[in-house]
Amino acid sequence: MKFGPPLGKLGFEGFKELNTIQSIVFEQAYHTVENLLICAPTGAGKTNIAMLSVLKTIRDHCKSDGTIDKNDFKIIYIAPMKALAAEMTENFSKRLSKLGLKVRELTGDTTLTKKEIAETQMLVLTPEKWDVVTRKADDEELTSLVRLLIIDEVHLLRMF
């Protein structure tokens, strides 16, 4: 599957085509708002599937002149461990900075001001930090802007 619009090309710069699993879910990830559960081995390309959903969300918040309405949405990426959160923050930051978007990590080791959160389009958090954020009454504005929630390694989450 070839990449079409400029948004996709910027987000997948350096990629020539999607692999098999990414191609199979492309329509759902990039053209619908369907929930997806992706079960595939390590190295199968699940991060790129997440990127397709991220780009779809961004595309949904583009103005008629093509500019992105950066204040109209938040993307939340839940990573099970701080090390993975740091890795995903770096990965998505490199790819989304080309679009002028900010990705920041918010874990037990990091803090962000309300202003920094407001200026950020994608937050990468641990489950514990997301739990804290969603329980705070003064962060309702953040949760009301969430348009995409990605949970990495969902099987590692504990239900209480």
N, C-alpha and C. Protein backbone atom coordinates (compact mmCIF):
# COMPACT_ATOMS: atom_id res chain seq x y z
N MET A 1 0.85 -1.17 0.00
CA MET A 1 0.00 0.00 0.00
C MET A 1 0.90 1.23 0.00
N LYS A 2 0.71 2.10 -0.93
CA LYS A 2 1.49 3.35 -1.03
C LYS A 2 0.84 4.42 -0.15
N PHE A 3 1.66 5.36 0.31
CA PHE A 3 1.14 6.45 1.12
C PHE A 3 0.66 7.56 0.21
N GLY A 4 -0.49 8.10 0.53
CA GLY A 4 -1.11 9.10 -0.32
C GLY A 4 -0.89 10.52 0.12
N PRO A 5 -1.78 11.06 0.94
CA PRO A 5 -1.76 12.49 1.26
C PRO A 5 -0.45 12.93 1.91
N PRO A 6 -0.15 14.24 1.81
CA PRO A 6 1.09 14.77 2.40
C PRO A 6 1.22 14.46 3.89
N LEU A 7 0.11 14.46 4.62
CA LEU A 7 0.14 14.17 6.05
C LEU A 7 0.75 12.79 6.30
N GLY A 8 0.28 11.80 5.55
CA GLY A 8 0.81 10.45 5.66
C GLY A 8 2.27 10.36 5.26
N LYS A 9 2.63 11.10 4.23
CA LYS A 9 4.02 11.07 3.77
C LYS A 9 4.96 11.65 4.82
N LEU A 10 4.53 12.73 5.47
CA LEU A 10 5.36 13.32 6.51
C LEU A 10 5.49 12.39 7.72
N GLY A 11 4.38 11.76 8.10
CA GLY A 11 4.40 10.87 9.26
C GLY A 11 5.15 9.57 9.01
N PHE A 12 5.27 9.19 7.75
CA PHE A 12 5.95 7.94 7.39
C PHE A 12 7.16 8.21 6.49
N GLU A 13 7.80 9.34 6.70
CA GLU A 13 8.97 9.68 5.91
C GLU A 13 10.03 8.57 6.03
N GLY A 14 10.54 8.14 4.90
CA GLY A 14 11.55 7.08 4.89
C GLY A 14 10.96 5.69 4.69
N PHE A 15 9.65 5.56 4.76
CA PHE A 15 8.98 4.27 4.54
C PHE A 15 8.50 4.22 3.09
N LYS A 16 8.71 3.08 2.46
CA LYS A 16 8.24 2.92 1.08
C LYS A 16 6.85 2.33 1.03
N GLU A 17 6.55 1.41 1.93
CA GLU A 17 5.24 0.78 1.96
C GLU A 17 4.99 0.17 3.33
N LEU A 18 3.74 -0.17 3.55
CA LEU A 18 3.35 -0.83 4.80
C LEU A 18 3.63 -2.32 4.69
N ASN A 19 3.86 -2.95 5.83
CA ASN A 19 4.03 -4.41 5.81
C ASN A 19 2.64 -5.07 5.77
N THR A 20 2.60 -6.38 5.82
CA THR A 20 1.35 -7.12 5.64
C THR A 20 0.31 -6.77 6.69
N ILE A 21 0.67 -6.83 7.97
CA ILE A 21 -0.33 -6.56 9.02
C ILE A 21 -0.80 -5.11 8.97
N GLN A 22 0.12 -4.18 8.68
CA GLN A 22 -0.26 -2.77 8.57
C GLN A 22 -1.20 -2.55 7.39
N SER A 23 -0.96 -3.24 6.31
CA SER A 23 -1.83 -3.14 5.13
C SER A 23 -3.21 -3.69 5.41
N ILE A 24 -3.27 -4.77 6.18
CA ILE A 24 -4.56 -5.39 6.51
C ILE A 24 -5.46 -4.44 7.29
N VAL A 25 -4.88 -3.69 8.23
CA VAL A 25 -5.69 -2.81 9.08
C VAL A 25 -5.69 -1.36 8.63
N PHE A 26 -5.04 -1.08 7.51
CA PHE A 26 -4.91 0.31 7.04
C PHE A 26 -6.26 1.03 6.96
N GLU A 27 -7.24 0.44 6.30
CA GLU A 27 -8.54 1.09 6.13
C GLU A 27 -9.18 1.45 7.46
N GLN A 28 -9.15 0.52 8.42
CA GLN A 28 -9.75 0.79 9.73
C GLN A 28 -8.96 1.84 10.50
N ALA A 29 -7.64 1.76 10.45
CA ALA A 29 -6.80 2.66 11.24
C ALA A 29 -6.76 4.07 10.67
N TYR A 30 -6.80 4.20 9.36
CA TYR A 30 -6.58 5.51 8.72
C TYR A 30 -7.85 6.16 8.18
N HIS A 31 -8.93 5.37 8.06
CA HIS A 31 -10.14 5.93 7.45
C HIS A 31 -11.40 5.77 8.28
N THR A 32 -11.32 5.17 9.47
CA THR A 32 -12.52 5.01 10.29
C THR A 32 -12.21 5.41 11.73
N VAL A 33 -13.25 5.43 12.54
CA VAL A 33 -13.07 5.67 13.97
C VAL A 33 -13.37 4.39 14.75
N GLU A 34 -13.24 3.27 14.08
CA GLU A 34 -13.47 1.98 14.73
C GLU A 34 -12.41 1.71 15.80
N ASN A 35 -12.81 1.04 16.86
CA ASN A 35 -11.85 0.58 17.85
C ASN A 35 -11.07 -0.56 17.24
N LEU A 36 -9.80 -0.63 17.57
CA LEU A 36 -8.95 -1.70 17.07
C LEU A 36 -8.24 -2.38 18.23
N LEU A 37 -8.09 -3.68 18.14
CA LEU A 37 -7.26 -4.45 19.05
C LEU A 37 -6.26 -5.18 18.16
N ILE A 38 -5.01 -4.80 18.26
CA ILE A 38 -3.98 -5.37 17.40
C ILE A 38 -3.14 -6.34 18.25
N CYS A 39 -3.19 -7.60 17.87
CA CYS A 39 -2.40 -8.63 18.55
C CYS A 39 -1.39 -9.16 17.53
N ALA A 40 -0.13 -8.86 17.75
CA ALA A 40 0.92 -9.27 16.83
C ALA A 40 2.23 -9.35 17.60
N PRO A 41 3.15 -10.17 17.12
CA PRO A 41 4.42 -10.31 17.84
C PRO A 41 5.25 -9.03 17.83
N THR A 42 6.21 -8.97 18.73
CA THR A 42 7.15 -7.86 18.78
C THR A 42 7.82 -7.72 17.41
N GLY A 43 7.93 -6.48 16.94
CA GLY A 43 8.57 -6.22 15.66
C GLY A 43 7.64 -6.33 14.46
N ALA A 44 6.35 -6.58 14.70
CA ALA A 44 5.41 -6.75 13.59
C ALA A 44 4.93 -5.42 13.02
N GLY A 45 5.20 -4.32 13.72
CA GLY A 45 4.82 -3.01 13.19
C GLY A 45 3.61 -2.39 13.85
N LYS A 46 3.35 -2.75 15.10
CA LYS A 46 2.18 -2.19 15.79
C LYS A 46 2.32 -0.68 16.01
N THR A 47 3.53 -0.19 16.21
CA THR A 47 3.73 1.24 16.40
C THR A 47 3.31 2.01 15.15
N ASN A 48 3.59 1.46 13.99
CA ASN A 48 3.17 2.13 12.75
C ASN A 48 1.66 2.09 12.57
N ILE A 49 1.01 1.07 13.08
CA ILE A 49 -0.45 1.04 13.05
C ILE A 49 -0.98 2.14 13.96
N ALA A 50 -0.37 2.30 15.12
CA ALA A 50 -0.75 3.39 16.01
C ALA A 50 -0.54 4.73 15.31
N MET A 51 0.55 4.85 14.56
CA MET A 51 0.83 6.09 13.84
C MET A 51 -0.25 6.38 12.80
N LEU A 52 -0.76 5.36 12.15
CA LEU A 52 -1.85 5.55 11.19
C LEU A 52 -3.06 6.17 11.88
N SER A 53 -3.39 5.65 13.06
CA SER A 53 -4.52 6.19 13.82
C SER A 53 -4.24 7.61 14.30
N VAL A 54 -3.02 7.88 14.67
CA VAL A 54 -2.62 9.22 15.09
C VAL A 54 -2.81 10.19 13.92
N LEU A 55 -2.32 9.81 12.75
CA LEU A 55 -2.44 10.67 11.58
C LEU A 55 -3.89 10.89 11.17
N LYS A 56 -4.71 9.88 11.33
CA LYS A 56 -6.14 10.01 11.03
C LYS A 56 -6.77 11.04 11.98
N THR A 57 -6.41 10.97 13.25
CA THR A 57 -6.92 11.92 14.23
C THR A 57 -6.48 13.33 13.90
N ILE A 58 -5.22 13.48 13.52
CA ILE A 58 -4.70 14.79 13.15
C ILE A 58 -5.45 15.31 11.91
N ARG A 59 -5.61 14.45 10.93
CA ARG A 59 -6.32 14.83 9.69
C ARG A 59 -7.74 15.31 10.01
N ASP A 60 -8.38 14.66 10.97
CA ASP A 60 -9.74 15.04 11.36
C ASP A 60 -9.80 16.42 12.01
N HIS A 61 -8.64 16.95 12.40
CA HIS A 61 -8.59 18.25 13.06
C HIS A 61 -7.81 19.27 12.24
N CYS A 62 -7.88 19.09 10.93
CA CYS A 62 -7.30 20.07 10.01
C CYS A 62 -8.38 21.04 9.57
N LYS A 63 -8.01 22.30 9.50
CA LYS A 63 -8.92 23.33 9.03
C LYS A 63 -9.01 23.27 7.50
N SER A 64 -9.94 23.99 6.93
CA SER A 64 -10.14 23.97 5.48
C SER A 64 -8.90 24.46 4.72
N ASP A 65 -8.07 25.29 5.36
CA ASP A 65 -6.86 25.77 4.69
C ASP A 65 -5.69 24.80 4.84
N GLY A 66 -5.93 23.65 5.50
CA GLY A 66 -4.90 22.63 5.65
C GLY A 66 -4.09 22.72 6.93
N THR A 67 -4.26 23.79 7.71
CA THR A 67 -3.53 23.89 8.97
C THR A 67 -4.20 23.02 10.03
N ILE A 68 -3.40 22.55 10.95
CA ILE A 68 -3.90 21.68 12.01
C ILE A 68 -4.40 22.54 13.17
N ASP A 69 -5.61 22.26 13.64
CA ASP A 69 -6.16 22.94 14.81
C ASP A 69 -5.59 22.25 16.05
N LYS A 70 -4.43 22.69 16.47
CA LYS A 70 -3.66 22.03 17.54
C LYS A 70 -4.33 22.06 18.90
N ASN A 71 -5.26 22.97 19.10
CA ASN A 71 -5.91 23.10 20.40
C ASN A 71 -7.21 22.32 20.49
N ASP A 72 -7.56 21.60 19.45
CA ASP A 72 -8.86 20.95 19.36
C ASP A 72 -8.83 19.46 19.73
N PHE A 73 -7.66 18.93 20.03
CA PHE A 73 -7.58 17.49 20.31
C PHE A 73 -6.35 17.15 21.14
N LYS A 74 -6.44 15.99 21.78
CA LYS A 74 -5.30 15.38 22.47
C LYS A 74 -5.28 13.91 22.08
N ILE A 75 -4.09 13.40 21.94
CA ILE A 75 -3.88 11.97 21.70
C ILE A 75 -3.14 11.45 22.93
N ILE A 76 -3.65 10.37 23.49
CA ILE A 76 -3.06 9.77 24.69
C ILE A 76 -2.50 8.40 24.31
N TYR A 77 -1.25 8.18 24.67
CA TYR A 77 -0.59 6.91 24.44
C TYR A 77 -0.19 6.37 25.81
N ILE A 78 -0.75 5.24 26.20
CA ILE A 78 -0.44 4.64 27.49
C ILE A 78 0.61 3.55 27.27
N ALA A 79 1.77 3.72 27.88
CA ALA A 79 2.85 2.74 27.80
C ALA A 79 2.99 2.08 29.17
N PRO A 80 3.18 0.76 29.23
CA PRO A 80 3.17 0.08 30.52
C PRO A 80 4.34 0.40 31.45
N MET A 81 5.44 0.90 30.89
CA MET A 81 6.63 1.17 31.71
C MET A 81 7.24 2.51 31.32
N LYS A 82 7.93 3.16 32.25
CA LYS A 82 8.55 4.45 32.00
C LYS A 82 9.56 4.39 30.86
N ALA A 83 10.32 3.30 30.77
CA ALA A 83 11.31 3.18 29.71
C ALA A 83 10.65 3.17 28.33
N LEU A 84 9.55 2.45 28.21
CA LEU A 84 8.82 2.41 26.94
C LEU A 84 8.16 3.75 26.66
N ALA A 85 7.70 4.43 27.70
CA ALA A 85 7.10 5.76 27.51
C ALA A 85 8.14 6.72 26.94
N ALA A 86 9.35 6.67 27.45
CA ALA A 86 10.42 7.53 26.94
C ALA A 86 10.74 7.20 25.49
N GLU A 87 10.80 5.92 25.17
CA GLU A 87 11.09 5.48 23.81
C GLU A 87 9.99 5.93 22.83
N MET A 88 8.74 5.76 23.23
CA MET A 88 7.63 6.14 22.36
C MET A 88 7.54 7.65 22.20
N THR A 89 7.85 8.38 23.26
CA THR A 89 7.86 9.84 23.18
C THR A 89 8.87 10.29 22.14
N GLU A 90 10.05 9.72 22.19
CA GLU A 90 11.10 10.07 21.23
C GLU A 90 10.68 9.70 19.80
N ASN A 91 10.14 8.50 19.63
CA ASN A 91 9.71 8.01 18.32
C ASN A 91 8.65 8.93 17.72
N PHE A 92 7.58 9.17 18.46
CA PHE A 92 6.49 9.99 17.94
C PHE A 92 6.91 11.46 17.80
N SER A 93 7.76 11.94 18.70
CA SER A 93 8.23 13.33 18.60
C SER A 93 8.95 13.57 17.28
N LYS A 94 9.83 12.66 16.92
CA LYS A 94 10.58 12.81 15.67
C LYS A 94 9.64 12.85 14.48
N ARG A 95 8.63 12.01 14.50
CA ARG A 95 7.74 11.90 13.36
C ARG A 95 6.71 13.03 13.30
N LEU A 96 6.22 13.48 14.44
CA LEU A 96 5.17 14.49 14.46
C LEU A 96 5.70 15.92 14.50
N SER A 97 6.96 16.09 14.86
CA SER A 97 7.54 17.44 14.88
C SER A 97 7.53 18.04 13.47
N LYS A 98 7.61 17.20 12.45
CA LYS A 98 7.56 17.67 11.06
C LYS A 98 6.22 18.32 10.74
N LEU A 99 5.21 17.99 11.54
CA LEU A 99 3.88 18.58 11.37
C LEU A 99 3.66 19.75 12.34
N GLY A 100 4.69 20.08 13.10
CA GLY A 100 4.58 21.17 14.07
C GLY A 100 3.86 20.77 15.34
N LEU A 101 3.78 19.46 15.61
CA LEU A 101 3.06 18.97 16.78
C LEU A 101 4.03 18.59 17.90
N LYS A 102 3.56 18.73 19.13
CA LYS A 102 4.38 18.41 20.29
C LYS A 102 3.93 17.11 20.92
N VAL A 103 4.92 16.29 21.28
CA VAL A 103 4.70 15.04 22.00
C VAL A 103 5.52 15.14 23.27
N ARG A 104 4.88 14.86 24.40
CA ARG A 104 5.60 14.93 25.67
C ARG A 104 5.29 13.72 26.52
N GLU A 105 6.25 13.37 27.33
CA GLU A 105 6.12 12.26 28.28
C GLU A 105 5.60 12.79 29.60
N LEU A 106 4.70 12.04 30.20
CA LEU A 106 4.19 12.39 31.52
C LEU A 106 4.12 11.11 32.33
N THR A 107 5.15 10.90 33.15
CA THR A 107 5.24 9.69 33.98
C THR A 107 5.56 10.13 35.41
N GLY A 108 5.81 9.16 36.25
CA GLY A 108 6.18 9.47 37.63
C GLY A 108 7.47 10.25 37.73
N ASP A 109 8.31 10.15 36.68
CA ASP A 109 9.60 10.84 36.68
C ASP A 109 9.53 12.23 36.04
N THR A 110 8.40 12.56 35.45
CA THR A 110 8.29 13.84 34.75
C THR A 110 7.07 14.59 35.23
N THR A 111 7.13 15.90 35.10
CA THR A 111 5.97 16.74 35.40
C THR A 111 5.83 17.75 34.27
N LEU A 112 4.61 18.14 34.04
CA LEU A 112 4.32 19.17 33.04
C LEU A 112 3.39 20.20 33.67
N THR A 113 3.60 21.44 33.31
CA THR A 113 2.69 22.48 33.77
C THR A 113 1.40 22.40 32.96
N LYS A 114 0.36 23.06 33.44
CA LYS A 114 -0.90 23.10 32.69
C LYS A 114 -0.68 23.71 31.31
N LYS A 115 0.19 24.71 31.25
CA LYS A 115 0.50 25.37 29.98
C LYS A 115 1.18 24.39 29.03
N GLU A 116 2.14 23.62 29.54
CA GLU A 116 2.83 22.64 28.69
C GLU A 116 1.87 21.57 28.18
N ILE A 117 0.97 21.14 29.04
CA ILE A 117 -0.03 20.15 28.62
C ILE A 117 -0.93 20.75 27.55
N ALA A 118 -1.33 22.00 27.75
CA ALA A 118 -2.21 22.66 26.78
C ALA A 118 -1.54 22.81 25.42
N GLU A 119 -0.22 22.99 25.41
CA GLU A 119 0.54 23.16 24.16
C GLU A 119 0.93 21.85 23.50
N THR A 120 0.59 20.74 24.13
CA THR A 120 0.99 19.41 23.66
C THR A 120 -0.19 18.71 22.99
N GLN A 121 0.06 18.10 21.85
CA GLN A 121 -1.00 17.39 21.15
C GLN A 121 -1.02 15.90 21.50
N MET A 122 0.13 15.33 21.85
CA MET A 122 0.18 13.91 22.19
C MET A 122 0.94 13.74 23.50
N LEU A 123 0.30 13.07 24.44
CA LEU A 123 0.92 12.77 25.73
C LEU A 123 1.16 11.27 25.83
N VAL A 124 2.35 10.91 26.27
CA VAL A 124 2.70 9.52 26.49
C VAL A 124 2.82 9.33 28.00
N LEU A 125 1.96 8.47 28.55
CA LEU A 125 1.88 8.30 29.99
C LEU A 125 1.97 6.83 30.37
N THR A 126 2.29 6.59 31.63
CA THR A 126 2.16 5.25 32.20
C THR A 126 0.72 5.12 32.71
N PRO A 127 0.24 3.90 32.89
CA PRO A 127 -1.13 3.73 33.39
C PRO A 127 -1.36 4.43 34.73
N GLU A 128 -0.36 4.37 35.60
CA GLU A 128 -0.50 5.00 36.92
C GLU A 128 -0.67 6.52 36.80
N LYS A 129 0.11 7.12 35.92
CA LYS A 129 0.04 8.58 35.75
C LYS A 129 -1.29 8.97 35.10
N TRP A 130 -1.76 8.18 34.13
CA TRP A 130 -3.06 8.46 33.51
C TRP A 130 -4.17 8.37 34.55
N ASP A 131 -4.07 7.39 35.45
CA ASP A 131 -5.04 7.25 36.52
C ASP A 131 -5.07 8.50 37.39
N VAL A 132 -3.90 9.00 37.74
CA VAL A 132 -3.81 10.22 38.56
C VAL A 132 -4.41 11.41 37.81
N VAL A 133 -4.04 11.55 36.55
CA VAL A 133 -4.51 12.68 35.74
C VAL A 133 -6.03 12.67 35.61
N THR A 134 -6.60 11.51 35.37
CA THR A 134 -8.05 11.44 35.14
C THR A 134 -8.85 11.55 36.43
N ARG A 135 -8.22 11.42 37.57
CA ARG A 135 -8.93 11.56 38.84
C ARG A 135 -8.96 13.01 39.34
N LYS A 136 -8.11 13.85 38.77
CA LYS A 136 -8.03 15.25 39.21
C LYS A 136 -9.15 16.05 38.55
N ALA A 137 -9.94 16.69 39.37
CA ALA A 137 -11.09 17.46 38.87
C ALA A 137 -10.67 18.61 37.97
N ASP A 138 -9.49 19.19 38.21
CA ASP A 138 -9.07 20.34 37.41
C ASP A 138 -8.49 19.95 36.05
N ASP A 139 -8.42 18.66 35.75
CA ASP A 139 -7.92 18.21 34.46
C ASP A 139 -9.04 17.73 33.54
N GLU A 140 -10.27 18.10 33.84
CA GLU A 140 -11.39 17.71 32.98
C GLU A 140 -11.22 18.26 31.58
N GLU A 141 -10.60 19.43 31.46
CA GLU A 141 -10.38 20.01 30.15
C GLU A 141 -9.52 19.09 29.29
N LEU A 142 -8.48 18.52 29.88
CA LEU A 142 -7.62 17.58 29.16
C LEU A 142 -8.42 16.37 28.68
N THR A 143 -9.12 15.73 29.59
CA THR A 143 -9.83 14.51 29.21
C THR A 143 -10.94 14.78 28.20
N SER A 144 -11.52 15.98 28.24
CA SER A 144 -12.57 16.30 27.27
C SER A 144 -12.02 16.49 25.86
N LEU A 145 -10.73 16.71 25.73
CA LEU A 145 -10.10 16.90 24.41
C LEU A 145 -9.53 15.61 23.83
N VAL A 146 -9.54 14.53 24.58
CA VAL A 146 -8.96 13.27 24.09
C VAL A 146 -9.80 12.73 22.94
N ARG A 147 -9.15 12.56 21.79
CA ARG A 147 -9.83 12.04 20.61
C ARG A 147 -9.30 10.66 20.21
N LEU A 148 -8.14 10.29 20.76
CA LEU A 148 -7.56 8.98 20.47
C LEU A 148 -6.83 8.50 21.72
N LEU A 149 -7.13 7.27 22.10
CA LEU A 149 -6.46 6.63 23.23
C LEU A 149 -5.82 5.34 22.73
N ILE A 150 -4.51 5.26 22.86
CA ILE A 150 -3.76 4.07 22.44
C ILE A 150 -3.19 3.44 23.70
N ILE A 151 -3.48 2.16 23.88
CA ILE A 151 -2.94 1.43 25.03
C ILE A 151 -1.98 0.38 24.50
N ASP A 152 -0.72 0.56 24.79
CA ASP A 152 0.32 -0.36 24.36
C ASP A 152 0.46 -1.47 25.41
N GLU A 153 0.58 -2.68 24.95
CA GLU A 153 0.72 -3.83 25.85
C GLU A 153 -0.45 -3.90 26.83
N VAL A 154 -1.65 -3.84 26.29
CA VAL A 154 -2.86 -3.80 27.11
C VAL A 154 -2.94 -4.99 28.06
N HIS A 155 -2.35 -6.10 27.70
CA HIS A 155 -2.40 -7.29 28.56
C HIS A 155 -1.61 -7.10 29.86
N LEU A 156 -0.75 -6.08 29.91
CA LEU A 156 0.03 -5.82 31.12
C LEU A 156 -0.73 -4.95 32.13
N LEU A 157 -1.84 -4.35 31.69
CA LEU A 157 -2.63 -3.53 32.61
C LEU A 157 -3.33 -4.42 33.62
N ARG A 158 -3.36 -3.95 34.84
CA ARG A 158 -4.07 -4.69 35.90
C ARG A 158 -5.43 -4.05 36.11
N MET A 159 -6.41 -4.87 36.27
CA MET A 159 -7.74 -4.36 36.58
C MET A 159 -7.90 -4.36 38.09
N PHE A 160 -8.37 -3.26 38.61
CA PHE A 160 -8.55 -3.14 40.06
C PHE A 160 -10.00 -3.33 40.42
